[in-house]
């Protein structure tokens, strides 16, 4: 087992492999919110993001094209 620096930003799949109705990806660390802002476009972008809330929106590819719809929660 290796330790990681507390300042690392990590991403991990949080649902089992295989077919499912929903997939959960966890992104955490100091760069999590800036990364999420590049990859997620909320349906109501004028509202500021707050902790422990769910936001419905689109998941974007690196070019900014929509690839799916999903929920975002910042904690």
PDB file of N, CA and C in Angstrom:
ATOM      1  N   UNK A   1       0.849  -1.172   0.000  1.00  0.00           N
ATOM      2  CA  UNK A   1       0.000   0.000   0.000  1.00  0.00           C
ATOM      3  C   UNK A   1       0.896   1.237   0.000  1.00  0.00           C
ATOM      4  N   UNK A   2       0.560   2.197  -0.831  1.00  0.00           N
ATOM      5  CA  UNK A   2       1.340   3.427  -0.890  1.00  0.00           C
ATOM      6  C   UNK A   2       0.502   4.576  -0.368  1.00  0.00           C
ATOM      7  N   UNK A   3       1.173   5.543   0.207  1.00  0.00           N
ATOM      8  CA  UNK A   3       0.454   6.729   0.651  1.00  0.00           C
ATOM      9  C   UNK A   3       0.488   7.756  -0.458  1.00  0.00           C
ATOM     10  N   UNK A   4      -0.447   8.637  -0.457  1.00  0.00           N
ATOM     11  CA  UNK A   4      -0.482   9.694  -1.461  1.00  0.00           C
ATOM     12  C   UNK A   4      -0.472  11.024  -0.749  1.00  0.00           C
ATOM     13  N   UNK A   5      -0.007  12.009  -1.446  1.00  0.00           N
ATOM     14  CA  UNK A   5       0.049  13.358  -0.892  1.00  0.00           C
ATOM     15  C   UNK A   5      -1.375  13.879  -0.739  1.00  0.00           C
ATOM     16  N   UNK A   6      -1.680  14.518   0.370  1.00  0.00           N
ATOM     17  CA  UNK A   6      -3.016  15.067   0.618  1.00  0.00           C
ATOM     18  C   UNK A   6      -3.387  16.139  -0.393  1.00  0.00           C
ATOM     19  N   UNK A   7      -2.419  16.676  -1.111  1.00  0.00           N
ATOM     20  CA  UNK A   7      -2.684  17.716  -2.096  1.00  0.00           C
ATOM     21  C   UNK A   7      -3.009  17.139  -3.468  1.00  0.00           C
ATOM     22  N   UNK A   8      -3.030  15.813  -3.614  1.00  0.00           N
ATOM     23  CA  UNK A   8      -3.330  15.188  -4.906  1.00  0.00           C
ATOM     24  C   UNK A   8      -4.804  15.342  -5.260  1.00  0.00           C
ATOM     25  N   UNK A   9      -5.076  15.426  -6.548  1.00  0.00           N
ATOM     26  CA  UNK A   9      -6.443  15.349  -7.054  1.00  0.00           C
ATOM     27  C   UNK A   9      -6.575  13.972  -7.678  1.00  0.00           C
ATOM     28  N   UNK A  10      -7.616  13.234  -7.313  1.00  0.00           N
ATOM     29  CA  UNK A  10      -7.792  11.876  -7.793  1.00  0.00           C
ATOM     30  C   UNK A  10      -9.167  11.707  -8.421  1.00  0.00           C
ATOM     31  N   UNK A  11      -9.276  10.725  -9.305  1.00  0.00           N
ATOM     32  CA  UNK A  11     -10.557  10.348  -9.892  1.00  0.00           C
ATOM     33  C   UNK A  11     -10.653   8.829  -9.822  1.00  0.00           C
ATOM     34  N   UNK A  12     -11.852   8.324  -9.511  1.00  0.00           N
ATOM     35  CA  UNK A  12     -12.049   6.888  -9.393  1.00  0.00           C
ATOM     36  C   UNK A  12     -13.475   6.520  -9.762  1.00  0.00           C
ATOM     37  N   UNK A  13     -13.615   5.380 -10.432  1.00  0.00           N
ATOM     38  CA  UNK A  13     -14.946   4.849 -10.720  1.00  0.00           C
ATOM     39  C   UNK A  13     -15.493   4.282  -9.420  1.00  0.00           C
ATOM     40  N   UNK A  14     -16.718   4.673  -9.077  1.00  0.00           N
ATOM     41  CA  UNK A  14     -17.306   4.250  -7.803  1.00  0.00           C
ATOM     42  C   UNK A  14     -18.417   3.233  -7.964  1.00  0.00           C
ATOM     43  N   UNK A  15     -18.687   2.783  -9.172  1.00  0.00           N
ATOM     44  CA  UNK A  15     -19.711   1.766  -9.401  1.00  0.00           C
ATOM     45  C   UNK A  15     -19.030   0.514  -9.954  1.00  0.00           C
ATOM     46  N   UNK A  16     -19.619  -0.664  -9.730  1.00  0.00           N
ATOM     47  CA  UNK A  16     -19.018  -1.893 -10.240  1.00  0.00           C
ATOM     48  C   UNK A  16     -18.960  -1.896 -11.767  1.00  0.00           C
ATOM     49  N   UNK A  17     -17.992  -2.624 -12.308  1.00  0.00           N
ATOM     50  CA  UNK A  17     -17.903  -2.776 -13.762  1.00  0.00           C
ATOM     51  C   UNK A  17     -19.120  -3.538 -14.274  1.00  0.00           C
ATOM     52  N   UNK A  18     -19.502  -3.281 -15.514  1.00  0.00           N
ATOM     53  CA  UNK A  18     -20.641  -3.944 -16.118  1.00  0.00           C
ATOM     54  C   UNK A  18     -21.721  -2.951 -16.477  1.00  0.00           C
ATOM     55  N   UNK A  19     -22.839  -3.464 -16.946  1.00  0.00           N
ATOM     56  CA  UNK A  19     -23.953  -2.612 -17.329  1.00  0.00           C
ATOM     57  C   UNK A  19     -24.718  -2.159 -16.101  1.00  0.00           C
ATOM     58  N   UNK A  20     -25.107  -0.888 -16.131  1.00  0.00           N
ATOM     59  CA  UNK A  20     -25.863  -0.338 -15.007  1.00  0.00           C
ATOM     60  C   UNK A  20     -26.670   0.851 -15.486  1.00  0.00           C
ATOM     61  N   UNK A  21     -27.678   1.191 -14.723  1.00  0.00           N
ATOM     62  CA  UNK A  21     -28.513   2.338 -15.050  1.00  0.00           C
ATOM     63  C   UNK A  21     -27.850   3.653 -14.700  1.00  0.00           C
ATOM     64  N   UNK A  22     -26.849   3.600 -13.849  1.00  0.00           N
ATOM     65  CA  UNK A  22     -26.176   4.817 -13.428  1.00  0.00           C
ATOM     66  C   UNK A  22     -24.709   4.487 -13.158  1.00  0.00           C
ATOM     67  N   UNK A  23     -23.851   5.425 -13.474  1.00  0.00           N
ATOM     68  CA  UNK A  23     -22.437   5.286 -13.165  1.00  0.00           C
ATOM     69  C   UNK A  23     -22.000   6.444 -12.284  1.00  0.00           C
ATOM     70  N   UNK A  24     -21.166   6.169 -11.315  1.00  0.00           N
ATOM     71  CA  UNK A  24     -20.689   7.215 -10.415  1.00  0.00           C
ATOM     72  C   UNK A  24     -19.173   7.307 -10.532  1.00  0.00           C
ATOM     73  N   UNK A  25     -18.707   8.519 -10.749  1.00  0.00           N
ATOM     74  CA  UNK A  25     -17.281   8.791 -10.802  1.00  0.00           C
ATOM     75  C   UNK A  25     -16.974   9.803  -9.715  1.00  0.00           C
ATOM     76  N   UNK A  26     -15.998   9.489  -8.885  1.00  0.00           N
ATOM     77  CA  UNK A  26     -15.609  10.392  -7.799  1.00  0.00           C
ATOM     78  C   UNK A  26     -14.359  11.157  -8.221  1.00  0.00           C
ATOM     79  N   UNK A  27     -14.423  12.461  -8.076  1.00  0.00           N
ATOM     80  CA  UNK A  27     -13.299  13.354  -8.347  1.00  0.00           C
ATOM     81  C   UNK A  27     -13.080  14.160  -7.081  1.00  0.00           C
ATOM     82  N   UNK A  28     -11.895  14.063  -6.491  1.00  0.00           N
ATOM     83  CA  UNK A  28     -11.665  14.775  -5.241  1.00  0.00           C
ATOM     84  C   UNK A  28     -10.258  15.340  -5.188  1.00  0.00           C
ATOM     85  N   UNK A  29     -10.112  16.371  -4.381  1.00  0.00           N
ATOM     86  CA  UNK A  29      -8.819  17.018  -4.218  1.00  0.00           C
ATOM     87  C   UNK A  29      -8.894  18.484  -4.584  1.00  0.00           C
ATOM     88  N   UNK A  30      -7.774  19.184  -4.491  1.00  0.00           N
ATOM     89  CA  UNK A  30      -7.782  20.633  -4.679  1.00  0.00           C
ATOM     90  C   UNK A  30      -8.172  21.103  -6.083  1.00  0.00           C
ATOM     91  N   UNK A  31      -7.951  20.290  -7.103  1.00  0.00           N
ATOM     92  CA  UNK A  31      -8.300  20.704  -8.466  1.00  0.00           C
ATOM     93  C   UNK A  31      -9.642  20.132  -8.921  1.00  0.00           C
ATOM     94  N   UNK A  32     -10.384  19.491  -8.024  1.00  0.00           N
ATOM     95  CA  UNK A  32     -11.643  18.849  -8.409  1.00  0.00           C
ATOM     96  C   UNK A  32     -12.658  19.835  -8.982  1.00  0.00           C
ATOM     97  N   UNK A  33     -12.878  20.949  -8.312  1.00  0.00           N
ATOM     98  CA  UNK A  33     -13.883  21.900  -8.819  1.00  0.00           C
ATOM     99  C   UNK A  33     -13.462  22.525 -10.148  1.00  0.00           C
ATOM    100  N   UNK A  34     -12.219  22.996 -10.323  1.00  0.00           N
ATOM    101  CA  UNK A  34     -11.842  23.527 -11.641  1.00  0.00           C
ATOM    102  C   UNK A  34     -11.979  22.491 -12.770  1.00  0.00           C
ATOM    103  N   UNK A  35     -11.652  21.231 -12.484  1.00  0.00           N
ATOM    104  CA  UNK A  35     -11.815  20.181 -13.493  1.00  0.00           C
ATOM    105  C   UNK A  35     -13.286  19.976 -13.786  1.00  0.00           C
ATOM    106  N   UNK A  36     -14.125  19.899 -12.743  1.00  0.00           N
ATOM    107  CA  UNK A  36     -15.565  19.714 -12.936  1.00  0.00           C
ATOM    108  C   UNK A  36     -16.160  20.854 -13.756  1.00  0.00           C
ATOM    109  N   UNK A  37     -15.699  22.061 -13.555  1.00  0.00           N
ATOM    110  CA  UNK A  37     -16.222  23.204 -14.313  1.00  0.00           C
ATOM    111  C   UNK A  37     -15.881  23.114 -15.792  1.00  0.00           C
ATOM    112  N   UNK A  38     -14.803  22.419 -16.123  1.00  0.00           N
ATOM    113  CA  UNK A  38     -14.451  22.238 -17.535  1.00  0.00           C
ATOM    114  C   UNK A  38     -15.227  21.093 -18.175  1.00  0.00           C
ATOM    115  N   UNK A  39     -15.642  20.110 -17.372  1.00  0.00           N
ATOM    116  CA  UNK A  39     -16.257  18.899 -17.910  1.00  0.00           C
ATOM    117  C   UNK A  39     -17.750  18.770 -17.649  1.00  0.00           C
ATOM    118  N   UNK A  40     -18.344  19.766 -16.986  1.00  0.00           N
ATOM    119  CA  UNK A  40     -19.764  19.694 -16.649  1.00  0.00           C
ATOM    120  C   UNK A  40     -20.405  21.052 -16.876  1.00  0.00           C
ATOM    121  N   UNK A  41     -21.522  21.053 -17.601  1.00  0.00           N
ATOM    122  CA  UNK A  41     -22.281  22.290 -17.848  1.00  0.00           C
ATOM    123  C   UNK A  41     -23.664  22.137 -17.216  1.00  0.00           C
ATOM    124  N   UNK A  42     -23.922  22.814 -16.096  1.00  0.00           N
ATOM    125  CA  UNK A  42     -25.227  22.679 -15.435  1.00  0.00           C
ATOM    126  C   UNK A  42     -26.344  23.276 -16.292  1.00  0.00           C
ATOM    127  N   UNK A  43     -27.550  22.724 -16.130  1.00  0.00           N
ATOM    128  CA  UNK A  43     -28.703  23.251 -16.868  1.00  0.00           C
ATOM    129  C   UNK A  43     -29.042  24.676 -16.441  1.00  0.00           C
ATOM    130  N   UNK A  44     -28.699  25.055 -15.227  1.00  0.00           N
ATOM    131  CA  UNK A  44     -28.935  26.412 -14.721  1.00  0.00           C
ATOM    132  C   UNK A  44     -27.587  27.035 -14.355  1.00  0.00           C
ATOM    133  N   UNK A  45     -26.817  27.469 -15.350  1.00  0.00           N
ATOM    134  CA  UNK A  45     -25.437  27.931 -15.085  1.00  0.00           C
ATOM    135  C   UNK A  45     -25.330  29.208 -14.276  1.00  0.00           C
ATOM    136  N   UNK A  46     -26.381  29.973 -14.135  1.00  0.00           N
ATOM    137  CA  UNK A  46     -26.288  31.242 -13.395  1.00  0.00           C
ATOM    138  C   UNK A  46     -26.246  31.029 -11.885  1.00  0.00           C
ATOM    139  N   UNK A  47     -26.674  29.874 -11.441  1.00  0.00           N
ATOM    140  CA  UNK A  47     -26.652  29.586 -10.004  1.00  0.00           C
ATOM    141  C   UNK A  47     -25.230  29.199  -9.587  1.00  0.00           C
ATOM    142  N   UNK A  48     -24.739  29.745  -8.476  1.00  0.00           N
ATOM    143  CA  UNK A  48     -23.409  29.325  -8.009  1.00  0.00           C
ATOM    144  C   UNK A  48     -23.466  27.891  -7.472  1.00  0.00           C
ATOM    145  N   UNK A  49     -22.393  27.155  -7.647  1.00  0.00           N
ATOM    146  CA  UNK A  49     -22.332  25.801  -7.111  1.00  0.00           C
ATOM    147  C   UNK A  49     -22.131  25.861  -5.603  1.00  0.00           C
ATOM    148  N   UNK A  50     -22.896  25.043  -4.875  1.00  0.00           N
ATOM    149  CA  UNK A  50     -22.772  24.973  -3.420  1.00  0.00           C
ATOM    150  C   UNK A  50     -22.496  23.532  -3.013  1.00  0.00           C
ATOM    151  N   UNK A  51     -21.853  23.376  -1.902  1.00  0.00           N
ATOM    152  CA  UNK A  51     -21.526  22.049  -1.395  1.00  0.00           C
ATOM    153  C   UNK A  51     -22.786  21.274  -1.008  1.00  0.00           C
ATOM    154  N   UNK A  52     -22.726  19.964  -1.197  1.00  0.00           N
ATOM    155  CA  UNK A  52     -23.778  19.038  -0.783  1.00  0.00           C
ATOM    156  C   UNK A  52     -25.108  19.274  -1.501  1.00  0.00           C
ATOM    157  N   UNK A  53     -25.038  19.707  -2.743  1.00  0.00           N
ATOM    158  CA  UNK A  53     -26.227  19.880  -3.593  1.00  0.00           C
ATOM    159  C   UNK A  53     -26.016  19.069  -4.863  1.00  0.00           C
ATOM    160  N   UNK A  54     -27.096  18.623  -5.486  1.00  0.00           N
ATOM    161  CA  UNK A  54     -27.009  17.933  -6.770  1.00  0.00           C
ATOM    162  C   UNK A  54     -27.369  18.899  -7.881  1.00  0.00           C
ATOM    163  N   UNK A  55     -26.591  18.872  -8.959  1.00  0.00           N
ATOM    164  CA  UNK A  55     -26.840  19.729 -10.118  1.00  0.00           C
ATOM    165  C   UNK A  55     -27.001  18.853 -11.352  1.00  0.00           C
ATOM    166  N   UNK A  56     -28.090  19.062 -12.073  1.00  0.00           N
ATOM    167  CA  UNK A  56     -28.348  18.359 -13.320  1.00  0.00           C
ATOM    168  C   UNK A  56     -27.708  19.138 -14.456  1.00  0.00           C
ATOM    169  N   UNK A  57     -27.057  18.421 -15.343  1.00  0.00           N
ATOM    170  CA  UNK A  57     -26.434  19.103 -16.470  1.00  0.00           C
ATOM    171  C   UNK A  57     -25.830  18.128 -17.455  1.00  0.00           C
ATOM    172  N   UNK A  58     -24.980  18.645 -18.323  1.00  0.00           N
ATOM    173  CA  UNK A  58     -24.345  17.833 -19.354  1.00  0.00           C
ATOM    174  C   UNK A  58     -22.877  17.590 -19.032  1.00  0.00           C
ATOM    175  N   UNK A  59     -22.455  16.373 -19.313  1.00  0.00           N
ATOM    176  CA  UNK A  59     -21.046  16.004 -19.205  1.00  0.00           C
ATOM    177  C   UNK A  59     -20.430  16.248 -20.574  1.00  0.00           C
ATOM    178  N   UNK A  60     -19.287  16.915 -20.593  1.00  0.00           N
ATOM    179  CA  UNK A  60     -18.657  17.347 -21.836  1.00  0.00           C
ATOM    180  C   UNK A  60     -17.358  16.589 -22.090  1.00  0.00           C
ATOM    181  N   UNK A  61     -17.027  16.433 -23.373  1.00  0.00           N
ATOM    182  CA  UNK A  61     -15.712  15.885 -23.711  1.00  0.00           C
ATOM    183  C   UNK A  61     -14.700  17.034 -23.700  1.00  0.00           C
ATOM    184  N   UNK A  62     -13.420  16.749 -23.887  1.00  0.00           N
ATOM    185  CA  UNK A  62     -12.407  17.819 -23.826  1.00  0.00           C
ATOM    186  C   UNK A  62     -12.621  18.958 -24.829  1.00  0.00           C
ATOM    187  N   UNK A  63     -13.355  18.704 -25.915  1.00  0.00           N
ATOM    188  CA  UNK A  63     -13.636  19.757 -26.896  1.00  0.00           C
ATOM    189  C   UNK A  63     -14.873  20.569 -26.543  1.00  0.00           C
ATOM    190  N   UNK A  64     -15.578  20.189 -25.472  1.00  0.00           N
ATOM    191  CA  UNK A  64     -16.773  20.912 -25.052  1.00  0.00           C
ATOM    192  C   UNK A  64     -18.060  20.379 -25.640  1.00  0.00           C
ATOM    193  N   UNK A  65     -17.996  19.237 -26.333  1.00  0.00           N
ATOM    194  CA  UNK A  65     -19.196  18.627 -26.902  1.00  0.00           C
ATOM    195  C   UNK A  65     -19.888  17.773 -25.844  1.00  0.00           C
ATOM    196  N   UNK A  66     -21.211  17.769 -25.860  1.00  0.00           N
ATOM    197  CA  UNK A  66     -22.004  17.001 -24.898  1.00  0.00           C
ATOM    198  C   UNK A  66     -21.865  15.518 -25.202  1.00  0.00           C
ATOM    199  N   UNK A  67     -21.549  14.731 -24.160  1.00  0.00           N
ATOM    200  CA  UNK A  67     -21.484  13.277 -24.336  1.00  0.00           C
ATOM    201  C   UNK A  67     -22.534  12.546 -23.496  1.00  0.00           C
ATOM    202  N   UNK A  68     -23.098  13.203 -22.492  1.00  0.00           N
ATOM    203  CA  UNK A  68     -24.106  12.555 -21.653  1.00  0.00           C
ATOM    204  C   UNK A  68     -24.748  13.592 -20.745  1.00  0.00           C
ATOM    205  N   UNK A  69     -25.813  13.175 -20.089  1.00  0.00           N
ATOM    206  CA  UNK A  69     -26.447  14.006 -19.076  1.00  0.00           C
ATOM    207  C   UNK A  69     -26.158  13.356 -17.730  1.00  0.00           C
ATOM    208  N   UNK A  70     -25.966  14.172 -16.698  1.00  0.00           N
ATOM    209  CA  UNK A  70     -25.642  13.595 -15.407  1.00  0.00           C
ATOM    210  C   UNK A  70     -25.873  14.556 -14.266  1.00  0.00           C
ATOM    211  N   UNK A  71     -25.499  14.109 -13.092  1.00  0.00           N
ATOM    212  CA  UNK A  71     -25.618  14.897 -11.867  1.00  0.00           C
ATOM    213  C   UNK A  71     -24.235  15.158 -11.310  1.00  0.00           C
ATOM    214  N   UNK A  72     -24.058  16.328 -10.731  1.00  0.00           N
ATOM    215  CA  UNK A  72     -22.805  16.720 -10.084  1.00  0.00           C
ATOM    216  C   UNK A  72     -23.108  17.106  -8.647  1.00  0.00           C
ATOM    217  N   UNK A  73     -22.262  16.664  -7.736  1.00  0.00           N
ATOM    218  CA  UNK A  73     -22.348  17.073  -6.339  1.00  0.00           C
ATOM    219  C   UNK A  73     -20.963  17.416  -5.856  1.00  0.00           C
ATOM    220  N   UNK A  74     -20.819  18.610  -5.309  1.00  0.00           N
ATOM    221  CA  UNK A  74     -19.546  19.031  -4.719  1.00  0.00           C
ATOM    222  C   UNK A  74     -19.628  18.867  -3.211  1.00  0.00           C
ATOM    223  N   UNK A  75     -18.563  18.374  -2.618  1.00  0.00           N
ATOM    224  CA  UNK A  75     -18.526  18.206  -1.156  1.00  0.00           C
ATOM    225  C   UNK A  75     -17.185  18.671  -0.644  1.00  0.00           C
TER     226      UNK A  75
END
